[in-house]
Amino acid sequence: MLTVYSLNPDKRLAVTIAIFFAEDVLPIWEMKYPEDIRPRKAIEAAKAWLTNPCEETATAAGVASHAALDSYSKAVDTYTSKNPWSAGRFANAAFAALNTANAAATSAAYATNASTDASHAAADAGTERARASTDELSFYIHSKLVRLLPHIFEYKIFTKTSFEDPEQVFNLLSEKNQHRFLFNLSHLR
């Protein structure tokens, strides 16, 4: 099963993955709190860092992350309401945005952890049942990452970095994409 760690991401890839998952759950937050744009600003700050990875954009992402933390705290406080699962879904949406901005502002190792946290928050928030099994959450994350695989392969080839297990990842590509990347597989080891 594909995980963020199996992609062996560097900081840029980890932030990209975190953005992908955070944007997946942002509508959940905005449905409940349309006036609170701090999670959206955190995601935008992470995107700005991706476009221009410098000290200024990293600092802006850190500031946006702290603002998103207030949003997350707001959602956690609503756990005392009648529907704690619903409140948890909103908290997870803010948490994903918080971790995405943090990923842009911090080290590569933290970015990988943050992208994993964002993917789990998206999986938690994306499930409609109150308690999704670990297998269901893992499958959700796997499915979303498989959608990104052609782009991740292109990035890995461009940056000359490898996967943890390139053959396993290669086998998850569609046949069309396998032919596209076949001659680059030895490079990814």
C-alpha atoms as a PDB file:
ATOM      1  CA  MET A   1       0.000   0.000   0.000  1.00  0.00           C
ATOM      2  CA  LEU A   2       1.310   3.423  -0.963  1.00  0.00           C
ATOM      3  CA  THR A   3       2.077   5.857   1.870  1.00  0.00           C
ATOM      4  CA  VAL A   4       3.727   9.245   2.021  1.00  0.00           C
ATOM      5  CA  TYR A   5       6.844   7.597   3.457  1.00  0.00           C
ATOM      6  CA  SER A   6       7.040   5.057   0.620  1.00  0.00           C
ATOM      7  CA  LEU A   7       7.440   7.981  -1.784  1.00  0.00           C
ATOM      8  CA  ASN A   8      10.629   9.022   0.044  1.00  0.00           C
ATOM      9  CA  PRO A   9       9.696  12.693  -0.361  1.00  0.00           C
ATOM     10  CA  ASP A  10      12.049  15.622  -0.081  1.00  0.00           C
ATOM     11  CA  LYS A  11      10.726  18.853   1.427  1.00  0.00           C
ATOM     12  CA  ARG A  12       9.197  20.231  -1.797  1.00  0.00           C
ATOM     13  CA  LEU A  13       7.385  16.983  -2.559  1.00  0.00           C
ATOM     14  CA  ALA A  14       6.198  16.647   1.040  1.00  0.00           C
ATOM     15  CA  VAL A  15       4.757  20.175   0.973  1.00  0.00           C
ATOM     16  CA  THR A  16       3.083  19.455  -2.373  1.00  0.00           C
ATOM     17  CA  ILE A  17       1.469  16.317  -0.966  1.00  0.00           C
ATOM     18  CA  ALA A  18       0.374  18.195   2.160  1.00  0.00           C
ATOM     19  CA  ILE A  19      -1.250  20.878  -0.002  1.00  0.00           C
ATOM     20  CA  PHE A  20      -3.010  18.197  -2.049  1.00  0.00           C
ATOM     21  CA  PHE A  21      -4.587  16.649   1.048  1.00  0.00           C
ATOM     22  CA  ALA A  22      -5.284  19.931   2.841  1.00  0.00           C
ATOM     23  CA  GLU A  23      -7.134  21.291  -0.178  1.00  0.00           C
ATOM     24  CA  ASP A  24      -9.175  18.123  -0.208  1.00  0.00           C
ATOM     25  CA  VAL A  25     -10.705  18.941   3.181  1.00  0.00           C
ATOM     26  CA  LEU A  26     -10.717  22.740   3.044  1.00  0.00           C
ATOM     27  CA  PRO A  27     -14.361  22.829   1.805  1.00  0.00           C
ATOM     28  CA  ILE A  28     -15.387  21.008   4.992  1.00  0.00           C
ATOM     29  CA  TRP A  29     -13.920  23.840   7.062  1.00  0.00           C
ATOM     30  CA  GLU A  30     -15.334  26.594   4.862  1.00  0.00           C
ATOM     31  CA  MET A  31     -18.799  25.043   4.988  1.00  0.00           C
ATOM     32  CA  LYS A  32     -18.843  25.346   8.785  1.00  0.00           C
ATOM     33  CA  TYR A  33     -16.780  28.540   9.182  1.00  0.00           C
ATOM     34  CA  PRO A  34     -17.083  30.538   5.941  1.00  0.00           C
ATOM     35  CA  GLU A  35     -15.795  33.710   7.596  1.00  0.00           C
ATOM     36  CA  ASP A  36     -12.602  32.076   8.935  1.00  0.00           C
ATOM     37  CA  ILE A  37     -10.104  32.086   6.087  1.00  0.00           C
ATOM     38  CA  ARG A  38      -7.009  31.283   8.168  1.00  0.00           C
ATOM     39  CA  PRO A  39      -6.720  27.656   6.959  1.00  0.00           C
ATOM     40  CA  ARG A  40      -7.020  28.834   3.332  1.00  0.00           C
ATOM     41  CA  LYS A  41      -4.337  31.464   3.981  1.00  0.00           C
ATOM     42  CA  ALA A  42      -2.081  28.761   5.462  1.00  0.00           C
ATOM     43  CA  ILE A  43      -2.428  26.665   2.313  1.00  0.00           C
ATOM     44  CA  GLU A  44      -1.796  29.712   0.125  1.00  0.00           C
ATOM     45  CA  ALA A  45       1.340  30.502   2.149  1.00  0.00           C
ATOM     46  CA  ALA A  46       2.610  26.958   1.553  1.00  0.00           C
ATOM     47  CA  LYS A  47       1.934  27.377  -2.182  1.00  0.00           C
ATOM     48  CA  ALA A  48       3.840  30.664  -2.153  1.00  0.00           C
ATOM     49  CA  TRP A  49       6.790  28.871  -0.574  1.00  0.00           C
ATOM     50  CA  LEU A  50       6.646  26.214  -3.314  1.00  0.00           C
ATOM     51  CA  THR A  51       6.761  28.920  -5.968  1.00  0.00           C
ATOM     52  CA  ASN A  52       9.546  30.851  -4.243  1.00  0.00           C
ATOM     53  CA  PRO A  53      11.280  28.837  -1.489  1.00  0.00           C
ATOM     54  CA  CYS A  54      13.049  31.599   0.400  1.00  0.00           C
ATOM     55  CA  GLU A  55      13.271  32.825   3.990  1.00  0.00           C
ATOM     56  CA  GLU A  56      10.494  35.368   3.445  1.00  0.00           C
ATOM     57  CA  THR A  57       7.928  32.846   2.197  1.00  0.00           C
ATOM     58  CA  ALA A  58       8.972  30.328   4.860  1.00  0.00           C
ATOM     59  CA  THR A  59       8.395  32.971   7.537  1.00  0.00           C
ATOM     60  CA  ALA A  60       5.009  33.861   6.026  1.00  0.00           C
ATOM     61  CA  ALA A  61       4.070  30.168   6.067  1.00  0.00           C
ATOM     62  CA  GLY A  62       5.070  29.968   9.737  1.00  0.00           C
ATOM     63  CA  VAL A  63       2.887  32.977  10.583  1.00  0.00           C
ATOM     64  CA  ALA A  64      -0.032  31.497   8.621  1.00  0.00           C
ATOM     65  CA  SER A  65       0.484  28.220  10.441  1.00  0.00           C
ATOM     66  CA  HIS A  66       0.120  29.935  13.819  1.00  0.00           C
ATOM     67  CA  ALA A  67      -3.084  31.590  12.628  1.00  0.00           C
ATOM     68  CA  ALA A  68      -4.411  28.219  11.441  1.00  0.00           C
ATOM     69  CA  LEU A  69      -3.607  26.841  14.896  1.00  0.00           C
ATOM     70  CA  ASP A  70      -6.161  29.269  16.331  1.00  0.00           C
ATOM     71  CA  SER A  71      -8.712  27.927  13.840  1.00  0.00           C
ATOM     72  CA  TYR A  72      -7.862  24.384  14.848  1.00  0.00           C
ATOM     73  CA  SER A  73      -8.314  25.284  18.534  1.00  0.00           C
ATOM     74  CA  LYS A  74     -11.696  26.832  17.715  1.00  0.00           C
ATOM     75  CA  ALA A  75     -12.852  23.598  16.067  1.00  0.00           C
ATOM     76  CA  VAL A  76     -11.523  21.419  18.887  1.00  0.00           C
ATOM     77  CA  ASP A  77     -13.464  23.526  21.390  1.00  0.00           C
ATOM     78  CA  THR A  78     -16.679  22.576  19.611  1.00  0.00           C
ATOM     79  CA  TYR A  79     -16.116  18.925  20.551  1.00  0.00           C
ATOM     80  CA  THR A  80     -18.396  19.595  23.487  1.00  0.00           C
ATOM     81  CA  SER A  81     -21.293  20.104  21.063  1.00  0.00           C
ATOM     82  CA  LYS A  82     -23.919  17.460  20.340  1.00  0.00           C
ATOM     83  CA  ASN A  83     -22.055  16.055  17.350  1.00  0.00           C
ATOM     84  CA  PRO A  84     -18.381  15.590  18.257  1.00  0.00           C
ATOM     85  CA  TRP A  85     -17.604  13.660  15.062  1.00  0.00           C
ATOM     86  CA  SER A  86     -18.734  16.593  12.954  1.00  0.00           C
ATOM     87  CA  ALA A  87     -16.607  18.963  15.021  1.00  0.00           C
ATOM     88  CA  GLY A  88     -13.707  16.571  14.614  1.00  0.00           C
ATOM     89  CA  ARG A  89     -14.054  16.709  10.836  1.00  0.00           C
ATOM     90  CA  PHE A  90     -13.813  20.497  10.939  1.00  0.00           C
ATOM     91  CA  ALA A  91     -10.840  20.331  13.301  1.00  0.00           C
ATOM     92  CA  ASN A  92      -9.121  17.914  10.936  1.00  0.00           C
ATOM     93  CA  ALA A  93      -9.599  20.325   8.053  1.00  0.00           C
ATOM     94  CA  ALA A  94      -7.921  23.122  10.012  1.00  0.00           C
ATOM     95  CA  PHE A  95      -5.229  20.692  11.199  1.00  0.00           C
ATOM     96  CA  ALA A  96      -4.379  19.748   7.599  1.00  0.00           C
ATOM     97  CA  ALA A  97      -3.943  23.421   6.670  1.00  0.00           C
ATOM     98  CA  LEU A  98      -1.884  24.077   9.795  1.00  0.00           C
ATOM     99  CA  ASN A  99       0.497  21.215   9.008  1.00  0.00           C
ATOM    100  CA  THR A 100       0.770  22.235   5.375  1.00  0.00           C
ATOM    101  CA  ALA A 101       1.967  25.720   6.269  1.00  0.00           C
ATOM    102  CA  ASN A 102       4.251  24.287   8.949  1.00  0.00           C
ATOM    103  CA  ALA A 103       5.769  21.962   6.360  1.00  0.00           C
ATOM    104  CA  ALA A 104       6.787  24.920   4.197  1.00  0.00           C
ATOM    105  CA  ALA A 105       8.268  26.727   7.176  1.00  0.00           C
ATOM    106  CA  THR A 106      10.322  23.885   8.635  1.00  0.00           C
ATOM    107  CA  SER A 107      12.756  21.099   7.841  1.00  0.00           C
ATOM    108  CA  ALA A 108      12.423  18.322   5.279  1.00  0.00           C
ATOM    109  CA  ALA A 109      11.881  15.676   7.969  1.00  0.00           C
ATOM    110  CA  TYR A 110       9.092  17.719   9.550  1.00  0.00           C
ATOM    111  CA  ALA A 111       7.582  18.379   6.127  1.00  0.00           C
ATOM    112  CA  THR A 112       7.311  14.631   5.533  1.00  0.00           C
ATOM    113  CA  ASN A 113       5.628  14.158   8.919  1.00  0.00           C
ATOM    114  CA  ALA A 114       3.321  17.109   8.215  1.00  0.00           C
ATOM    115  CA  SER A 115       2.294  15.713   4.841  1.00  0.00           C
ATOM    116  CA  THR A 116       1.510  12.390   6.519  1.00  0.00           C
ATOM    117  CA  ASP A 117      -0.518  14.208   9.198  1.00  0.00           C
ATOM    118  CA  ALA A 118      -2.374  16.203   6.531  1.00  0.00           C
ATOM    119  CA  SER A 119      -3.166  13.007   4.632  1.00  0.00           C
ATOM    120  CA  HIS A 120      -4.510  11.370   7.800  1.00  0.00           C
ATOM    121  CA  ALA A 121      -6.562  14.465   8.642  1.00  0.00           C
ATOM    122  CA  ALA A 122      -8.004  14.437   5.125  1.00  0.00           C
ATOM    123  CA  ALA A 123      -8.759  10.734   5.391  1.00  0.00           C
ATOM    124  CA  ASP A 124     -10.433  11.201   8.775  1.00  0.00           C
ATOM    125  CA  ALA A 125     -12.465  14.152   7.567  1.00  0.00           C
ATOM    126  CA  GLY A 126     -13.266  12.520   4.254  1.00  0.00           C
ATOM    127  CA  THR A 127     -14.930   9.496   5.789  1.00  0.00           C
ATOM    128  CA  GLU A 128     -18.617   9.822   6.431  1.00  0.00           C
ATOM    129  CA  ARG A 129     -18.804   7.249   9.199  1.00  0.00           C
ATOM    130  CA  ALA A 130     -17.939   8.149  12.746  1.00  0.00           C
ATOM    131  CA  ARG A 131     -15.184   5.563  12.996  1.00  0.00           C
ATOM    132  CA  ALA A 132     -13.449   4.521   9.839  1.00  0.00           C
ATOM    133  CA  SER A 133     -11.143   1.549  10.150  1.00  0.00           C
ATOM    134  CA  THR A 134      -7.398   1.912   9.755  1.00  0.00           C
ATOM    135  CA  ASP A 135      -7.668  -0.074   6.526  1.00  0.00           C
ATOM    136  CA  GLU A 136     -10.248   2.371   5.133  1.00  0.00           C
ATOM    137  CA  LEU A 137      -8.075   5.364   6.016  1.00  0.00           C
ATOM    138  CA  SER A 138      -4.992   3.706   4.505  1.00  0.00           C
ATOM    139  CA  PHE A 139      -6.909   2.872   1.331  1.00  0.00           C
ATOM    140  CA  TYR A 140      -8.142   6.475   1.047  1.00  0.00           C
ATOM    141  CA  ILE A 141      -4.582   7.806   1.333  1.00  0.00           C
ATOM    142  CA  HIS A 142      -3.283   5.163  -1.086  1.00  0.00           C
ATOM    143  CA  SER A 143      -5.964   6.018  -3.658  1.00  0.00           C
ATOM    144  CA  LYS A 144      -5.268   9.742  -3.494  1.00  0.00           C
ATOM    145  CA  LEU A 145      -1.504   9.213  -3.825  1.00  0.00           C
ATOM    146  CA  VAL A 146      -1.962   6.905  -6.818  1.00  0.00           C
ATOM    147  CA  ARG A 147      -3.750   9.794  -8.560  1.00  0.00           C
ATOM    148  CA  LEU A 148      -0.609  11.902  -8.060  1.00  0.00           C
ATOM    149  CA  LEU A 149       1.872   9.222  -9.136  1.00  0.00           C
ATOM    150  CA  PRO A 150       2.538  10.372 -12.716  1.00  0.00           C
ATOM    151  CA  HIS A 151       3.397  13.846 -11.407  1.00  0.00           C
ATOM    152  CA  ILE A 152       5.488  12.411  -8.600  1.00  0.00           C
ATOM    153  CA  PHE A 153       7.406  10.246 -11.096  1.00  0.00           C
ATOM    154  CA  GLU A 154       8.135  13.311 -13.237  1.00  0.00           C
ATOM    155  CA  TYR A 155       9.326  15.192 -10.168  1.00  0.00           C
ATOM    156  CA  LYS A 156      11.547  12.309  -9.047  1.00  0.00           C
ATOM    157  CA  ILE A 157      13.132  12.053 -12.493  1.00  0.00           C
ATOM    158  CA  PHE A 158      13.684  15.819 -12.631  1.00  0.00           C
ATOM    159  CA  THR A 159      15.271  15.960  -9.170  1.00  0.00           C
ATOM    160  CA  LYS A 160      17.154  12.678  -9.637  1.00  0.00           C
ATOM    161  CA  THR A 161      15.840  11.253  -6.385  1.00  0.00           C
ATOM    162  CA  SER A 162      14.506   7.775  -5.704  1.00  0.00           C
ATOM    163  CA  PHE A 163      11.546   6.003  -4.211  1.00  0.00           C
ATOM    164  CA  GLU A 164      11.843   3.671  -1.244  1.00  0.00           C
ATOM    165  CA  ASP A 165      10.759   0.809  -3.550  1.00  0.00           C
ATOM    166  CA  PRO A 166      10.677   1.996  -7.183  1.00  0.00           C
ATOM    167  CA  GLU A 167       9.311  -1.269  -8.596  1.00  0.00           C
ATOM    168  CA  GLN A 168       6.330  -1.267  -6.237  1.00  0.00           C
ATOM    169  CA  VAL A 169       5.498   2.328  -7.125  1.00  0.00           C
ATOM    170  CA  PHE A 170       6.029   1.701 -10.842  1.00  0.00           C
ATOM    171  CA  ASN A 171       3.538  -1.185 -10.748  1.00  0.00           C
ATOM    172  CA  LEU A 172       0.860   1.186  -9.440  1.00  0.00           C
ATOM    173  CA  LEU A 173       1.041   3.352 -12.559  1.00  0.00           C
ATOM    174  CA  SER A 174      -1.404   2.836 -15.406  1.00  0.00           C
ATOM    175  CA  GLU A 175      -0.049   0.879 -18.371  1.00  0.00           C
ATOM    176  CA  LYS A 176       0.171   4.076 -20.421  1.00  0.00           C
ATOM    177  CA  ASN A 177       2.260   5.791 -17.743  1.00  0.00           C
ATOM    178  CA  GLN A 178       4.407   2.701 -17.252  1.00  0.00           C
ATOM    179  CA  HIS A 179       5.453   2.931 -20.901  1.00  0.00           C
ATOM    180  CA  ARG A 180       6.112   6.629 -20.443  1.00  0.00           C
ATOM    181  CA  PHE A 181       8.491   6.100 -17.526  1.00  0.00           C
ATOM    182  CA  LEU A 182       9.903   2.664 -18.338  1.00  0.00           C
ATOM    183  CA  PHE A 183      13.318   3.902 -19.417  1.00  0.00           C
ATOM    184  CA  ASN A 184      13.696   6.039 -16.309  1.00  0.00           C
ATOM    185  CA  LEU A 185      13.045   3.276 -13.780  1.00  0.00           C
ATOM    186  CA  SER A 186      16.722   2.335 -13.402  1.00  0.00           C
ATOM    187  CA  HIS A 187      17.485   5.991 -12.645  1.00  0.00           C
ATOM    188  CA  LEU A 188      15.052   5.973  -9.708  1.00  0.00           C
ATOM    189  CA  ARG A 189      16.899   3.280  -7.711  1.00  0.00           C
END
